[in-house]
Amino acid sequence: MKEGIHSENYRFVVFKDISCDYAFMTRSTIQTRDTIVWEDGKEYPLIKLEISNMSHPYYTGKMKLIDTAGRVDKFKTRLAKKKEVKKA
């Protein structure tokens, strides 16, 4: 890290996904009033997250796929019918 360009308050912070009770610790300069006692027995600042990689549908494999090919085919069919009506 370069000296003088980062905040002086660069410290360990715990991020906790409140939807699935998953927490991880990393370093950050983010400010918070909440704290948590981590696994090592020390108290760290806490940031509450609504979603993380443990609860996001893309990463958990619970993502719903939309049938876009069927929509395109329906559109082409409607377009072809409109063209036939204009010709007649």
C-alpha atoms as a PDB file:
ATOM      1  CA  MET A   1       0.000   0.000   0.000  1.00  0.00           C
ATOM      2  CA  LYS A   2       1.293   3.462  -0.848  1.00  0.00           C
ATOM      3  CA  GLU A   3       1.818   5.784   2.089  1.00  0.00           C
ATOM      4  CA  GLY A   4      -0.425   8.818   2.420  1.00  0.00           C
ATOM      5  CA  ILE A   5      -3.124   7.936  -0.128  1.00  0.00           C
ATOM      6  CA  HIS A   6      -5.244   5.601   1.978  1.00  0.00           C
ATOM      7  CA  SER A   7      -7.308   6.302   5.040  1.00  0.00           C
ATOM      8  CA  GLU A   8      -5.618   5.973   8.397  1.00  0.00           C
ATOM      9  CA  ASN A   9      -8.497   3.780   9.573  1.00  0.00           C
ATOM     10  CA  TYR A  10      -7.672   0.711   7.408  1.00  0.00           C
ATOM     11  CA  ARG A  11      -8.512  -2.196   9.709  1.00  0.00           C
ATOM     12  CA  PHE A  12     -10.056  -5.647   9.904  1.00  0.00           C
ATOM     13  CA  VAL A  13     -13.851  -5.626   9.476  1.00  0.00           C
ATOM     14  CA  VAL A  14     -16.394  -8.467   9.594  1.00  0.00           C
ATOM     15  CA  PHE A  15     -19.029  -8.569   6.847  1.00  0.00           C
ATOM     16  CA  LYS A  16     -22.104 -10.628   7.751  1.00  0.00           C
ATOM     17  CA  ASP A  17     -24.830 -11.779   5.347  1.00  0.00           C
ATOM     18  CA  ILE A  18     -27.958 -11.519   7.477  1.00  0.00           C
ATOM     19  CA  SER A  19     -30.058 -13.637   5.106  1.00  0.00           C
ATOM     20  CA  CYS A  20     -28.014 -16.820   5.625  1.00  0.00           C
ATOM     21  CA  ASP A  21     -25.919 -16.011   8.713  1.00  0.00           C
ATOM     22  CA  TYR A  22     -22.613 -16.198   6.789  1.00  0.00           C
ATOM     23  CA  ALA A  23     -19.744 -13.960   7.899  1.00  0.00           C
ATOM     24  CA  PHE A  24     -16.242 -13.270   6.628  1.00  0.00           C
ATOM     25  CA  MET A  25     -13.455 -10.964   7.728  1.00  0.00           C
ATOM     26  CA  THR A  26     -11.416  -8.690   5.504  1.00  0.00           C
ATOM     27  CA  ARG A  27      -9.773  -5.287   5.713  1.00  0.00           C
ATOM     28  CA  SER A  28     -11.650  -2.087   4.964  1.00  0.00           C
ATOM     29  CA  THR A  29     -11.940   1.609   5.773  1.00  0.00           C
ATOM     30  CA  ILE A  30     -15.744   1.534   5.975  1.00  0.00           C
ATOM     31  CA  GLN A  31     -17.275   3.179   9.047  1.00  0.00           C
ATOM     32  CA  THR A  32     -19.845   1.420  11.256  1.00  0.00           C
ATOM     33  CA  ARG A  33     -21.279   1.585  14.744  1.00  0.00           C
ATOM     34  CA  ASP A  34     -21.924  -2.164  15.087  1.00  0.00           C
ATOM     35  CA  THR A  35     -19.356  -4.607  16.429  1.00  0.00           C
ATOM     36  CA  ILE A  36     -19.087  -8.378  16.701  1.00  0.00           C
ATOM     37  CA  VAL A  37     -16.867 -10.801  18.597  1.00  0.00           C
ATOM     38  CA  TRP A  38     -15.085 -12.901  15.974  1.00  0.00           C
ATOM     39  CA  GLU A  39     -13.866 -16.505  16.261  1.00  0.00           C
ATOM     40  CA  ASP A  40     -10.519 -15.394  17.701  1.00  0.00           C
ATOM     41  CA  GLY A  41     -12.263 -13.711  20.661  1.00  0.00           C
ATOM     42  CA  LYS A  42     -11.498 -10.151  19.549  1.00  0.00           C
ATOM     43  CA  GLU A  43     -14.124  -7.507  18.822  1.00  0.00           C
ATOM     44  CA  TYR A  44     -14.289  -6.151  15.244  1.00  0.00           C
ATOM     45  CA  PRO A  45     -16.493  -3.637  13.420  1.00  0.00           C
ATOM     46  CA  LEU A  46     -19.506  -5.297  11.749  1.00  0.00           C
ATOM     47  CA  ILE A  47     -21.065  -4.524   8.354  1.00  0.00           C
ATOM     48  CA  LYS A  48     -24.426  -6.188   7.690  1.00  0.00           C
ATOM     49  CA  LEU A  49     -25.056  -7.350   4.118  1.00  0.00           C
ATOM     50  CA  GLU A  50     -28.372  -8.278   2.546  1.00  0.00           C
ATOM     51  CA  ILE A  51     -26.775 -10.563  -0.033  1.00  0.00           C
ATOM     52  CA  SER A  52     -23.404 -12.227  -0.567  1.00  0.00           C
ATOM     53  CA  ASN A  53     -21.985 -15.073  -2.641  1.00  0.00           C
ATOM     54  CA  MET A  54     -23.572 -17.529  -0.190  1.00  0.00           C
ATOM     55  CA  SER A  55     -27.113 -16.241  -0.769  1.00  0.00           C
ATOM     56  CA  HIS A  56     -27.030 -14.839  -4.319  1.00  0.00           C
ATOM     57  CA  PRO A  57     -29.060 -16.974  -6.771  1.00  0.00           C
ATOM     58  CA  TYR A  58     -26.316 -16.949  -9.412  1.00  0.00           C
ATOM     59  CA  TYR A  59     -23.665 -18.379  -7.083  1.00  0.00           C
ATOM     60  CA  THR A  60     -25.972 -20.824  -5.286  1.00  0.00           C
ATOM     61  CA  GLY A  61     -27.306 -22.361  -8.515  1.00  0.00           C
ATOM     62  CA  LYS A  62     -30.926 -21.401  -7.813  1.00  0.00           C
ATOM     63  CA  MET A  63     -31.121 -18.917 -10.668  1.00  0.00           C
ATOM     64  CA  LYS A  64     -34.178 -19.132 -12.912  1.00  0.00           C
ATOM     65  CA  LEU A  65     -33.574 -19.199 -16.647  1.00  0.00           C
ATOM     66  CA  ILE A  66     -35.966 -17.466 -19.009  1.00  0.00           C
ATOM     67  CA  ASP A  67     -36.908 -19.090 -22.303  1.00  0.00           C
ATOM     68  CA  THR A  68     -35.866 -16.280 -24.631  1.00  0.00           C
ATOM     69  CA  ALA A  69     -35.803 -18.516 -27.713  1.00  0.00           C
ATOM     70  CA  GLY A  70     -39.533 -19.142 -27.374  1.00  0.00           C
ATOM     71  CA  ARG A  71     -40.187 -15.423 -27.103  1.00  0.00           C
ATOM     72  CA  VAL A  72     -38.183 -14.692 -30.253  1.00  0.00           C
ATOM     73  CA  ASP A  73     -40.073 -17.363 -32.202  1.00  0.00           C
ATOM     74  CA  LYS A  74     -43.423 -15.941 -31.063  1.00  0.00           C
ATOM     75  CA  PHE A  75     -42.348 -12.452 -32.133  1.00  0.00           C
ATOM     76  CA  LYS A  76     -41.249 -13.665 -35.574  1.00  0.00           C
ATOM     77  CA  THR A  77     -44.572 -15.464 -36.032  1.00  0.00           C
ATOM     78  CA  ARG A  78     -46.557 -12.333 -35.148  1.00  0.00           C
ATOM     79  CA  LEU A  79     -44.356 -10.220 -37.431  1.00  0.00           C
ATOM     80  CA  ALA A  80     -44.890 -12.610 -40.340  1.00  0.00           C
ATOM     81  CA  LYS A  81     -48.680 -12.475 -39.827  1.00  0.00           C
ATOM     82  CA  LYS A  82     -48.621  -8.663 -39.838  1.00  0.00           C
ATOM     83  CA  LYS A  83     -46.615  -8.611 -43.070  1.00  0.00           C
ATOM     84  CA  GLU A  84     -49.137 -10.972 -44.724  1.00  0.00           C
ATOM     85  CA  VAL A  85     -52.018  -8.722 -43.676  1.00  0.00           C
ATOM     86  CA  LYS A  86     -50.280  -5.636 -45.136  1.00  0.00           C
ATOM     87  CA  LYS A  87     -49.652  -7.419 -48.465  1.00  0.00           C
ATOM     88  CA  ALA A  88     -53.287  -8.441 -48.808  1.00  0.00           C
END
